[in-house]
C-alpha cells in the first residue's frame, strides 16, 4: 500500500504521540497541526476518560520529548488554563514566564513539572495570544535559561478548532 508523504507524516506523528503516552492512553480521536499549534483529543480506553488539548510547539519524532511545551485547555465553558510543561531538569518552585510580544510577562512557579495560569490571568494570556505574533516561555533549568518560542500566526484558527472539537470529542 502506498501512502503519501503527508499521510505518512501524520501517521508517524500519531504513532509517536500514542507511543509517548502510557500504554493505556492509546486512542487518538482527533489530531491536527495548525502552524505551531496542535489540537489533540484522545481517550484512555474506548468511550472513557476523554481529554483534549491545544499545545505548541508541534511534536517532532526526533526530539524525544525534550522541548518545553505550552498547553491551553478549556476546563469548562469559557474557563481556561494555560500551562508550560517543562521537559528539562528544573526544581519545583522555579519561576516560569510567558511573554507575548511587548505585553508584560506572566509568571508562575513550577510544581510537578508544570507552571500553570488559570482564571483571569489565563484568559488574559489567551487574549494577548490572539493579538500577538510570538509567545516566549522561559525557565531557568540546570542547563541554563531555556526559552521556547512559538508563532502565534495560526493561534486564532487553532483555538477556534480546539473549542469546536473539544465540544464534540472532549469532556466538556
N, C-alpha and C. Protein backbone atom coordinates (compact mmCIF):
# COMPACT_ATOMS: atom_id res chain seq x y z
N UNK A 1 0.85 -1.17 0.00
CA UNK A 1 0.00 0.00 0.00
C UNK A 1 0.89 1.23 0.00
N UNK A 2 0.62 2.13 -0.89
CA UNK A 2 1.40 3.36 -0.99
C UNK A 2 0.65 4.48 -0.26
N UNK A 3 1.39 5.20 0.61
CA UNK A 3 0.79 6.34 1.28
C UNK A 3 1.59 7.57 0.94
N UNK A 4 0.91 8.71 0.87
CA UNK A 4 1.57 9.96 0.52
C UNK A 4 2.46 10.45 1.64
N UNK A 5 3.31 11.40 1.29
CA UNK A 5 4.25 11.98 2.25
C UNK A 5 3.51 12.58 3.44
N UNK A 6 2.46 13.35 3.19
CA UNK A 6 1.70 14.00 4.27
C UNK A 6 1.01 12.96 5.15
N UNK A 7 0.34 11.97 4.52
CA UNK A 7 -0.34 10.93 5.28
C UNK A 7 0.65 10.14 6.11
N UNK A 8 1.78 9.81 5.54
CA UNK A 8 2.82 9.07 6.26
C UNK A 8 3.32 9.87 7.46
N UNK A 9 3.50 11.17 7.28
CA UNK A 9 3.96 12.03 8.38
C UNK A 9 2.95 12.11 9.49
N UNK A 10 1.67 12.23 9.12
CA UNK A 10 0.61 12.29 10.13
C UNK A 10 0.53 10.97 10.88
N UNK A 11 0.59 9.84 10.15
CA UNK A 11 0.55 8.54 10.80
C UNK A 11 1.74 8.36 11.73
N UNK A 12 2.93 8.78 11.30
CA UNK A 12 4.11 8.67 12.15
C UNK A 12 3.95 9.52 13.40
N UNK A 13 3.42 10.72 13.26
CA UNK A 13 3.22 11.60 14.41
C UNK A 13 2.20 11.00 15.37
N UNK A 14 1.12 10.42 14.84
CA UNK A 14 0.12 9.81 15.70
C UNK A 14 0.71 8.62 16.45
N UNK A 15 1.47 7.77 15.76
CA UNK A 15 2.10 6.64 16.43
C UNK A 15 3.10 7.12 17.48
N UNK A 16 3.83 8.21 17.19
CA UNK A 16 4.76 8.78 18.16
C UNK A 16 4.00 9.27 19.38
N UNK A 17 2.89 10.00 19.16
CA UNK A 17 2.12 10.54 20.28
C UNK A 17 1.54 9.41 21.13
N UNK A 18 1.00 8.40 20.48
CA UNK A 18 0.43 7.29 21.21
C UNK A 18 1.52 6.55 21.96
N UNK A 19 2.66 6.34 21.32
CA UNK A 19 3.76 5.65 21.95
C UNK A 19 4.36 6.44 23.10
N UNK A 20 4.28 7.77 23.06
CA UNK A 20 4.85 8.60 24.12
C UNK A 20 3.97 8.61 25.36
N UNK A 21 2.71 8.21 25.24
CA UNK A 21 1.79 8.19 26.36
C UNK A 21 1.92 6.85 27.08
N UNK A 22 1.40 6.77 28.32
CA UNK A 22 1.35 5.47 28.97
C UNK A 22 0.58 4.50 28.08
N UNK A 23 0.87 3.25 28.18
CA UNK A 23 0.27 2.25 27.30
C UNK A 23 -1.25 2.33 27.29
N UNK A 24 -1.88 2.68 28.42
CA UNK A 24 -3.33 2.72 28.46
C UNK A 24 -3.93 3.91 27.70
N UNK A 25 -3.14 4.97 27.45
CA UNK A 25 -3.65 6.14 26.72
C UNK A 25 -3.34 5.96 25.24
N UNK A 26 -4.13 5.11 24.59
CA UNK A 26 -3.73 4.75 23.25
C UNK A 26 -4.75 5.03 22.16
N UNK A 27 -5.79 5.80 22.43
CA UNK A 27 -6.79 6.06 21.41
C UNK A 27 -6.82 7.54 21.07
N UNK A 28 -6.41 7.86 19.85
CA UNK A 28 -6.42 9.24 19.36
C UNK A 28 -7.72 9.45 18.61
N UNK A 29 -8.51 10.44 19.05
CA UNK A 29 -9.78 10.72 18.40
C UNK A 29 -9.66 11.83 17.37
N UNK A 30 -8.75 12.77 17.62
CA UNK A 30 -8.58 13.91 16.72
C UNK A 30 -7.16 14.41 16.85
N UNK A 31 -6.53 14.70 15.71
CA UNK A 31 -5.16 15.22 15.71
C UNK A 31 -5.01 16.16 14.51
N UNK A 32 -4.62 17.41 14.80
CA UNK A 32 -4.41 18.36 13.70
C UNK A 32 -3.35 19.38 14.12
N UNK A 33 -2.41 19.63 13.22
CA UNK A 33 -1.39 20.65 13.43
C UNK A 33 -1.77 21.88 12.61
N UNK A 34 -1.83 23.04 13.28
CA UNK A 34 -2.15 24.31 12.64
C UNK A 34 -0.99 25.24 12.95
N UNK A 35 -0.10 25.43 11.98
CA UNK A 35 1.13 26.21 12.16
C UNK A 35 1.91 25.63 13.35
N UNK A 36 2.17 26.42 14.40
CA UNK A 36 2.95 25.93 15.55
C UNK A 36 2.08 25.24 16.61
N UNK A 37 0.79 25.10 16.36
CA UNK A 37 -0.15 24.61 17.37
C UNK A 37 -0.75 23.27 16.98
N UNK A 38 -0.95 22.40 17.97
CA UNK A 38 -1.50 21.07 17.76
C UNK A 38 -2.76 20.89 18.59
N UNK A 39 -3.83 20.45 17.94
CA UNK A 39 -5.06 20.08 18.64
C UNK A 39 -5.07 18.55 18.71
N UNK A 40 -5.17 18.02 19.93
CA UNK A 40 -5.13 16.57 20.13
C UNK A 40 -6.21 16.17 21.13
N UNK A 41 -7.05 15.22 20.71
CA UNK A 41 -8.06 14.65 21.61
C UNK A 41 -7.84 13.15 21.64
N UNK A 42 -7.95 12.58 22.80
CA UNK A 42 -7.77 11.15 22.95
C UNK A 42 -8.53 10.62 24.14
N UNK A 43 -8.43 9.32 24.33
CA UNK A 43 -9.07 8.69 25.48
C UNK A 43 -8.23 7.52 25.96
N UNK A 44 -8.39 7.21 27.24
CA UNK A 44 -7.64 6.11 27.85
C UNK A 44 -8.07 4.75 27.29
N UNK A 45 -9.38 4.58 27.16
CA UNK A 45 -9.92 3.36 26.58
C UNK A 45 -11.20 3.74 25.85
N UNK A 46 -11.67 2.91 24.93
CA UNK A 46 -12.83 3.30 24.12
C UNK A 46 -14.00 3.78 24.97
N UNK A 47 -14.45 5.02 24.70
CA UNK A 47 -15.60 5.59 25.37
C UNK A 47 -15.36 6.13 26.77
N UNK A 48 -14.10 6.17 27.23
CA UNK A 48 -13.83 6.62 28.60
C UNK A 48 -12.69 7.63 28.66
N UNK A 49 -12.69 8.45 29.72
CA UNK A 49 -11.58 9.35 30.06
C UNK A 49 -11.08 10.17 28.88
N UNK A 50 -11.96 10.88 28.21
CA UNK A 50 -11.58 11.72 27.07
C UNK A 50 -10.93 13.01 27.54
N UNK A 51 -9.97 13.46 26.77
CA UNK A 51 -9.36 14.76 27.04
C UNK A 51 -8.89 15.36 25.72
N UNK A 52 -8.87 16.69 25.68
CA UNK A 52 -8.39 17.41 24.51
C UNK A 52 -7.46 18.51 24.97
N UNK A 53 -6.46 18.81 24.16
CA UNK A 53 -5.57 19.92 24.48
C UNK A 53 -5.14 20.63 23.21
N UNK A 54 -4.71 21.86 23.42
CA UNK A 54 -4.12 22.68 22.36
C UNK A 54 -2.71 22.97 22.85
N UNK A 55 -1.70 22.62 22.08
CA UNK A 55 -0.33 22.77 22.56
C UNK A 55 0.60 23.22 21.45
N UNK A 56 1.75 23.73 21.89
CA UNK A 56 2.80 24.17 20.97
C UNK A 56 4.14 23.97 21.67
N UNK A 57 5.21 23.76 20.99
CA UNK A 57 5.31 23.55 19.55
C UNK A 57 4.82 22.16 19.18
N UNK A 58 4.61 21.91 17.88
CA UNK A 58 4.12 20.60 17.47
C UNK A 58 5.15 19.51 17.78
N UNK A 59 4.70 18.29 18.01
CA UNK A 59 5.63 17.20 18.31
C UNK A 59 6.51 16.89 17.10
N UNK A 60 7.73 16.48 17.37
CA UNK A 60 8.64 16.02 16.33
C UNK A 60 9.17 14.66 16.72
N UNK A 61 9.41 13.83 15.76
CA UNK A 61 9.80 12.45 16.04
C UNK A 61 11.21 12.33 16.61
N UNK A 62 12.12 13.24 16.27
CA UNK A 62 13.50 13.08 16.71
C UNK A 62 13.82 13.87 17.97
N UNK A 63 12.83 14.44 18.64
CA UNK A 63 13.08 15.30 19.79
C UNK A 63 13.08 14.55 21.11
N UNK A 64 12.46 13.40 21.17
CA UNK A 64 12.37 12.59 22.38
C UNK A 64 11.77 13.35 23.56
N UNK A 65 10.88 14.29 23.29
CA UNK A 65 10.15 14.98 24.34
C UNK A 65 10.96 15.99 25.13
N UNK A 66 12.08 16.46 24.64
CA UNK A 66 12.95 17.34 25.42
C UNK A 66 12.53 18.81 25.38
N UNK A 67 11.65 19.20 24.46
CA UNK A 67 11.26 20.61 24.38
C UNK A 67 10.16 20.93 25.38
N UNK A 68 10.24 22.12 25.95
CA UNK A 68 9.17 22.58 26.82
C UNK A 68 7.94 22.81 25.95
N UNK A 69 6.76 22.66 26.56
CA UNK A 69 5.52 22.69 25.78
C UNK A 69 4.53 23.66 26.42
N UNK A 70 3.87 24.47 25.61
CA UNK A 70 2.81 25.36 26.05
C UNK A 70 1.48 24.64 25.80
N UNK A 71 0.63 24.59 26.83
CA UNK A 71 -0.62 23.83 26.75
C UNK A 71 -1.78 24.74 27.14
N UNK A 72 -2.82 24.75 26.31
CA UNK A 72 -4.05 25.51 26.59
C UNK A 72 -5.17 24.49 26.71
N UNK A 73 -5.96 24.61 27.78
CA UNK A 73 -7.11 23.73 27.96
C UNK A 73 -8.30 24.55 28.42
N UNK A 74 -9.44 24.23 27.87
CA UNK A 74 -10.70 24.83 28.33
C UNK A 74 -11.27 23.86 29.35
N UNK A 75 -11.29 24.25 30.62
CA UNK A 75 -11.70 23.35 31.70
C UNK A 75 -13.22 23.28 31.87
N UNK A 76 -13.90 24.33 31.49
CA UNK A 76 -15.36 24.37 31.39
C UNK A 76 -15.67 25.50 30.41
N UNK A 77 -16.92 25.69 30.08
CA UNK A 77 -17.27 26.68 29.06
C UNK A 77 -16.66 28.05 29.37
N UNK A 78 -15.80 28.52 28.48
CA UNK A 78 -15.14 29.83 28.56
C UNK A 78 -14.22 30.00 29.78
N UNK A 79 -13.79 28.92 30.39
CA UNK A 79 -12.83 28.95 31.50
C UNK A 79 -11.60 28.17 31.06
N UNK A 80 -10.45 28.87 31.06
CA UNK A 80 -9.23 28.29 30.50
C UNK A 80 -8.13 28.11 31.54
N UNK A 81 -7.21 27.23 31.18
CA UNK A 81 -5.98 27.04 31.93
C UNK A 81 -4.85 27.05 30.89
N UNK A 82 -3.78 27.78 31.19
CA UNK A 82 -2.59 27.80 30.34
C UNK A 82 -1.45 27.24 31.17
N UNK A 83 -0.67 26.35 30.59
CA UNK A 83 0.44 25.75 31.34
C UNK A 83 1.68 25.67 30.45
N UNK A 84 2.83 25.64 31.11
CA UNK A 84 4.08 25.32 30.44
C UNK A 84 4.58 24.04 31.10
N UNK A 85 4.66 22.96 30.31
CA UNK A 85 5.22 21.70 30.79
C UNK A 85 6.71 21.76 30.53
N UNK A 86 7.49 21.71 31.60
CA UNK A 86 8.95 21.81 31.49
C UNK A 86 9.52 20.41 31.38
N UNK A 87 10.14 20.12 30.26
CA UNK A 87 10.67 18.78 29.97
C UNK A 87 12.13 18.62 30.39
N UNK A 88 12.74 19.71 30.84
CA UNK A 88 14.13 19.65 31.26
C UNK A 88 14.19 19.70 32.77
N UNK A 89 15.36 19.44 33.34
CA UNK A 89 15.51 19.39 34.79
C UNK A 89 15.47 20.80 35.37
N UNK A 90 14.47 21.04 36.20
CA UNK A 90 14.32 22.31 36.91
C UNK A 90 13.60 22.00 38.22
N UNK A 91 14.07 22.54 39.33
CA UNK A 91 13.44 22.22 40.62
C UNK A 91 12.07 22.87 40.79
N UNK A 92 11.21 22.23 41.58
CA UNK A 92 9.92 22.83 41.91
C UNK A 92 10.15 24.20 42.53
N UNK A 93 9.26 25.12 42.24
CA UNK A 93 9.39 26.48 42.74
C UNK A 93 10.14 27.41 41.80
N UNK A 94 10.71 26.87 40.73
CA UNK A 94 11.41 27.69 39.75
C UNK A 94 10.40 28.56 39.00
N UNK A 95 10.75 29.83 38.81
CA UNK A 95 9.87 30.74 38.08
C UNK A 95 9.86 30.41 36.60
N UNK A 96 8.67 30.44 36.02
CA UNK A 96 8.47 30.23 34.59
C UNK A 96 7.71 31.46 34.10
N UNK A 97 8.15 32.02 32.97
CA UNK A 97 7.48 33.20 32.44
C UNK A 97 6.92 32.91 31.05
N UNK A 98 5.82 33.58 30.76
CA UNK A 98 5.24 33.59 29.42
C UNK A 98 5.14 35.05 29.03
N UNK A 99 5.72 35.38 27.87
CA UNK A 99 5.66 36.75 27.36
C UNK A 99 5.18 36.70 25.91
N UNK A 100 4.23 37.59 25.61
CA UNK A 100 3.71 37.70 24.25
C UNK A 100 4.04 39.10 23.75
N UNK A 101 4.85 39.16 22.70
CA UNK A 101 5.27 40.42 22.10
C UNK A 101 5.68 41.43 23.18
N UNK A 102 5.13 42.64 23.17
CA UNK A 102 5.50 43.67 24.13
C UNK A 102 4.65 43.70 25.38
N UNK A 103 3.73 42.74 25.54
CA UNK A 103 2.90 42.69 26.73
C UNK A 103 3.76 42.32 27.95
N UNK A 104 3.32 42.70 29.15
CA UNK A 104 4.08 42.30 30.36
C UNK A 104 4.14 40.78 30.49
N UNK A 105 5.22 40.29 31.08
CA UNK A 105 5.39 38.85 31.28
C UNK A 105 4.43 38.35 32.35
N UNK A 106 4.01 37.12 32.20
CA UNK A 106 3.19 36.42 33.20
C UNK A 106 4.12 35.41 33.88
N UNK A 107 4.08 35.35 35.20
CA UNK A 107 4.99 34.46 35.93
C UNK A 107 4.18 33.49 36.79
N UNK A 108 4.62 32.24 36.78
CA UNK A 108 4.06 31.20 37.65
C UNK A 108 5.24 30.33 38.08
N UNK A 109 5.01 29.47 39.04
CA UNK A 109 6.10 28.68 39.59
C UNK A 109 5.88 27.20 39.33
N UNK A 110 6.97 26.54 39.06
CA UNK A 110 6.97 25.13 38.67
C UNK A 110 6.54 24.25 39.83
N UNK A 111 5.59 23.36 39.57
CA UNK A 111 5.14 22.34 40.52
C UNK A 111 4.82 21.09 39.72
N UNK A 112 5.44 19.99 40.07
CA UNK A 112 5.22 18.71 39.37
C UNK A 112 5.47 18.84 37.87
N UNK A 113 6.50 19.61 37.49
CA UNK A 113 6.89 19.73 36.09
C UNK A 113 6.09 20.71 35.26
N UNK A 114 5.16 21.45 35.88
CA UNK A 114 4.33 22.41 35.15
C UNK A 114 4.21 23.73 35.90
N UNK A 115 4.14 24.80 35.15
CA UNK A 115 3.75 26.11 35.68
C UNK A 115 2.39 26.39 35.07
N UNK A 116 1.43 26.82 35.87
CA UNK A 116 0.05 26.92 35.41
C UNK A 116 -0.56 28.28 35.75
N UNK A 117 -1.29 28.82 34.78
CA UNK A 117 -2.08 30.04 34.96
C UNK A 117 -3.54 29.65 34.75
N UNK A 118 -4.42 30.18 35.58
CA UNK A 118 -5.85 29.90 35.41
C UNK A 118 -6.64 31.17 35.70
N UNK A 119 -7.94 31.08 35.52
CA UNK A 119 -8.81 32.21 35.79
C UNK A 119 -8.53 33.40 34.89
N UNK A 120 -8.66 34.61 35.43
CA UNK A 120 -8.49 35.82 34.62
C UNK A 120 -7.11 35.93 33.96
N UNK A 121 -6.07 35.44 34.64
CA UNK A 121 -4.74 35.55 34.03
C UNK A 121 -4.61 34.64 32.81
N UNK A 122 -5.18 33.45 32.86
CA UNK A 122 -5.17 32.57 31.68
C UNK A 122 -5.95 33.21 30.54
N UNK A 123 -7.09 33.80 30.85
CA UNK A 123 -7.90 34.49 29.84
C UNK A 123 -7.11 35.63 29.21
N UNK A 124 -6.38 36.38 30.03
CA UNK A 124 -5.55 37.48 29.53
C UNK A 124 -4.45 36.96 28.62
N UNK A 125 -3.80 35.87 28.98
CA UNK A 125 -2.75 35.28 28.13
C UNK A 125 -3.34 34.90 26.78
N UNK A 126 -4.53 34.30 26.78
CA UNK A 126 -5.17 33.91 25.52
C UNK A 126 -5.52 35.14 24.69
N UNK A 127 -6.06 36.18 25.32
CA UNK A 127 -6.38 37.42 24.58
C UNK A 127 -5.13 38.03 23.97
N UNK A 128 -4.05 38.09 24.74
CA UNK A 128 -2.79 38.61 24.20
C UNK A 128 -2.29 37.73 23.06
N UNK A 129 -2.46 36.42 23.20
CA UNK A 129 -2.05 35.49 22.14
C UNK A 129 -2.81 35.71 20.85
N UNK A 130 -4.10 36.01 20.97
CA UNK A 130 -4.90 36.27 19.79
C UNK A 130 -4.49 37.56 19.09
N UNK A 131 -3.91 38.50 19.85
CA UNK A 131 -3.47 39.79 19.28
C UNK A 131 -1.99 39.79 18.92
N UNK A 132 -1.25 38.79 19.38
CA UNK A 132 0.21 38.82 19.25
C UNK A 132 0.76 38.06 18.05
N UNK A 133 2.08 38.13 17.93
CA UNK A 133 2.81 37.45 16.86
C UNK A 133 3.65 36.28 17.37
N UNK A 134 4.25 36.43 18.59
CA UNK A 134 5.11 35.39 19.15
C UNK A 134 4.88 35.24 20.65
N UNK A 135 4.96 34.02 21.13
CA UNK A 135 4.91 33.71 22.54
C UNK A 135 6.26 33.11 22.91
N UNK A 136 6.84 33.59 24.02
CA UNK A 136 8.10 33.05 24.51
C UNK A 136 7.90 32.59 25.94
N UNK A 137 8.14 31.30 26.19
CA UNK A 137 8.08 30.73 27.54
C UNK A 137 9.52 30.53 28.00
N UNK A 138 9.85 31.07 29.16
CA UNK A 138 11.22 30.95 29.67
C UNK A 138 11.27 30.31 31.03
N UNK A 139 12.31 29.50 31.26
CA UNK A 139 12.53 28.84 32.54
C UNK A 139 14.03 28.64 32.74
N UNK A 140 14.48 28.79 33.98
CA UNK A 140 15.89 28.53 34.26
C UNK A 140 16.03 27.07 34.68
N UNK A 141 16.72 26.30 33.85
CA UNK A 141 16.92 24.87 34.11
C UNK A 141 18.34 24.65 34.59
N UNK A 142 18.67 23.40 34.87
CA UNK A 142 20.03 23.06 35.26
C UNK A 142 21.03 23.37 34.14
N UNK A 143 20.53 23.44 32.90
CA UNK A 143 21.40 23.72 31.75
C UNK A 143 21.44 25.22 31.42
N UNK A 144 20.78 26.06 32.23
CA UNK A 144 20.75 27.49 31.98
C UNK A 144 19.34 27.94 31.61
N UNK A 145 19.21 29.22 31.24
CA UNK A 145 17.90 29.74 30.88
C UNK A 145 17.50 29.19 29.52
N UNK A 146 16.33 28.56 29.48
CA UNK A 146 15.83 27.97 28.24
C UNK A 146 14.55 28.68 27.84
N UNK A 147 14.46 29.04 26.58
CA UNK A 147 13.26 29.69 26.07
C UNK A 147 12.66 28.85 24.95
N UNK A 148 11.37 28.75 24.97
CA UNK A 148 10.62 28.11 23.89
C UNK A 148 9.84 29.22 23.21
N UNK A 149 10.09 29.41 21.92
CA UNK A 149 9.44 30.48 21.16
C UNK A 149 8.54 29.85 20.11
N UNK A 150 7.26 30.27 20.12
CA UNK A 150 6.31 29.75 19.14
C UNK A 150 5.59 30.90 18.46
N UNK A 151 5.24 30.68 17.22
CA UNK A 151 4.50 31.67 16.45
C UNK A 151 3.04 31.64 16.88
N UNK A 152 2.43 32.80 16.89
CA UNK A 152 1.00 32.91 17.18
C UNK A 152 0.19 33.17 15.91
N UNK A 153 0.84 33.04 14.75
CA UNK A 153 0.16 33.30 13.48
C UNK A 153 -1.09 32.42 13.34
N UNK A 154 -1.02 31.14 13.63
CA UNK A 154 -2.18 30.24 13.50
C UNK A 154 -2.96 30.03 14.78
N UNK A 155 -2.63 30.79 15.84
CA UNK A 155 -3.26 30.57 17.14
C UNK A 155 -4.77 30.78 17.09
N UNK A 156 -5.24 31.82 16.42
CA UNK A 156 -6.67 32.10 16.34
C UNK A 156 -7.43 30.92 15.72
N UNK A 157 -6.93 30.41 14.61
CA UNK A 157 -7.57 29.27 13.96
C UNK A 157 -7.45 28.02 14.83
N UNK A 158 -6.31 27.85 15.49
CA UNK A 158 -6.09 26.67 16.32
C UNK A 158 -7.03 26.66 17.53
N UNK A 159 -7.18 27.80 18.19
CA UNK A 159 -8.06 27.82 19.37
C UNK A 159 -9.52 27.67 18.95
N UNK A 160 -9.88 28.23 17.81
CA UNK A 160 -11.24 28.05 17.29
C UNK A 160 -11.50 26.57 16.99
N UNK A 161 -10.55 25.91 16.34
CA UNK A 161 -10.66 24.48 16.04
C UNK A 161 -10.73 23.67 17.33
N UNK A 162 -9.84 23.97 18.27
CA UNK A 162 -9.81 23.28 19.56
C UNK A 162 -11.18 23.38 20.26
N UNK A 163 -11.73 24.59 20.34
CA UNK A 163 -13.00 24.79 21.03
C UNK A 163 -14.14 24.04 20.35
N UNK A 164 -14.11 23.98 19.03
CA UNK A 164 -15.14 23.24 18.29
C UNK A 164 -14.99 21.74 18.54
N UNK A 165 -13.77 21.25 18.45
CA UNK A 165 -13.51 19.83 18.58
C UNK A 165 -13.70 19.35 20.02
N UNK A 166 -13.31 20.16 21.00
CA UNK A 166 -13.45 19.72 22.40
C UNK A 166 -14.92 19.51 22.74
N UNK A 167 -15.81 20.23 22.11
CA UNK A 167 -17.23 20.05 22.37
C UNK A 167 -17.77 18.77 21.74
N UNK A 168 -17.13 18.31 20.68
CA UNK A 168 -17.60 17.06 20.06
C UNK A 168 -16.82 15.83 20.52
N UNK A 169 -15.54 16.01 20.93
CA UNK A 169 -14.72 14.86 21.34
C UNK A 169 -14.30 14.90 22.81
N UNK A 170 -14.34 16.07 23.41
CA UNK A 170 -13.78 16.24 24.74
C UNK A 170 -14.77 15.99 25.85
N UNK A 171 -14.37 16.41 27.05
CA UNK A 171 -15.14 16.11 28.26
C UNK A 171 -16.04 17.25 28.69
N UNK A 172 -16.10 18.38 27.96
CA UNK A 172 -16.94 19.50 28.38
C UNK A 172 -18.41 19.15 28.29
